[in-house]
Amino acid sequence: MTLAVSDEKVRAAALWLSEQDPVPPHVVTVLKTKFELKALQACEACKLAGEFRWVLRNG
């Protein structure tokens, strides 16, 4: 199964966000602009970034 373009954008945004330290202020707006996401997609990217960080810390 292939990811839809929007899913790829959300994943790319999440990977980028998971590497940011500290997280930029107004992160949803940043993600919307930088990755051309809708607000809900930016929120999904935030959630996924948190999951990526958890895996990196806890293996």
Protein backbone atom coordinates (compact mmCIF):
# COMPACT_ATOMS: atom_id res chain seq x y z
CA MET A 1 0.00 0.00 0.00
CA THR A 2 1.37 3.43 -0.89
CA LEU A 3 0.90 6.57 1.14
CA ALA A 4 -1.22 9.35 -0.26
CA VAL A 5 0.62 12.60 -0.97
CA SER A 6 -1.00 14.21 2.07
CA ASP A 7 0.15 11.29 4.26
CA GLU A 8 3.69 11.73 2.95
CA LYS A 9 3.53 15.44 3.81
CA VAL A 10 2.30 14.67 7.34
CA ARG A 11 5.07 12.11 7.83
CA ALA A 12 7.72 14.50 6.51
CA ALA A 13 6.44 17.23 8.81
CA ALA A 14 6.46 14.84 11.76
CA LEU A 15 10.03 13.73 11.07
CA TRP A 16 11.16 17.33 10.78
CA LEU A 17 9.34 18.32 13.96
CA SER A 18 10.72 15.37 15.92
CA GLU A 19 14.23 16.73 15.26
CA GLN A 20 13.49 20.27 16.48
CA ASP A 21 14.80 21.21 19.90
CA PRO A 22 13.16 23.30 21.11
CA VAL A 23 9.88 22.96 19.27
CA PRO A 24 9.20 26.21 17.42
CA PRO A 25 6.50 28.48 18.82
CA HIS A 26 3.20 28.40 16.93
CA VAL A 27 4.16 24.98 15.63
CA VAL A 28 0.85 24.32 13.86
CA THR A 29 1.22 27.51 11.85
CA VAL A 30 4.84 26.64 11.06
CA LEU A 31 3.89 23.17 9.84
CA LYS A 32 0.98 24.51 7.79
CA THR A 33 3.27 26.96 6.03
CA LYS A 34 6.44 24.88 5.69
CA PHE A 35 4.71 21.65 4.55
CA GLU A 36 1.52 23.05 2.99
CA LEU A 37 -0.72 21.22 5.47
CA LYS A 38 -4.23 21.86 6.69
CA ALA A 39 -4.66 22.47 10.43
CA LEU A 40 -5.82 18.91 11.11
CA GLN A 41 -2.86 17.48 9.21
CA ALA A 42 -0.48 19.70 11.18
CA CYS A 43 -2.02 18.39 14.40
CA GLU A 44 -1.59 14.82 13.16
CA ALA A 45 2.06 15.60 12.41
CA CYS A 46 2.49 16.90 15.99
CA LYS A 47 1.06 13.67 17.39
CA LEU A 48 3.23 11.54 15.13
CA ALA A 49 6.33 13.59 16.01
CA GLY A 50 5.66 12.84 19.68
CA GLU A 51 5.49 9.15 18.88
CA PHE A 52 8.77 9.37 16.93
CA ARG A 53 10.43 11.10 19.90
CA TRP A 54 9.14 8.46 22.30
CA VAL A 55 10.58 5.67 20.16
CA LEU A 56 13.93 7.45 19.88
CA ARG A 57 14.14 7.85 23.67
CA ASN A 58 12.78 4.44 24.66
CA GLY A 59 13.78 2.21 21.78
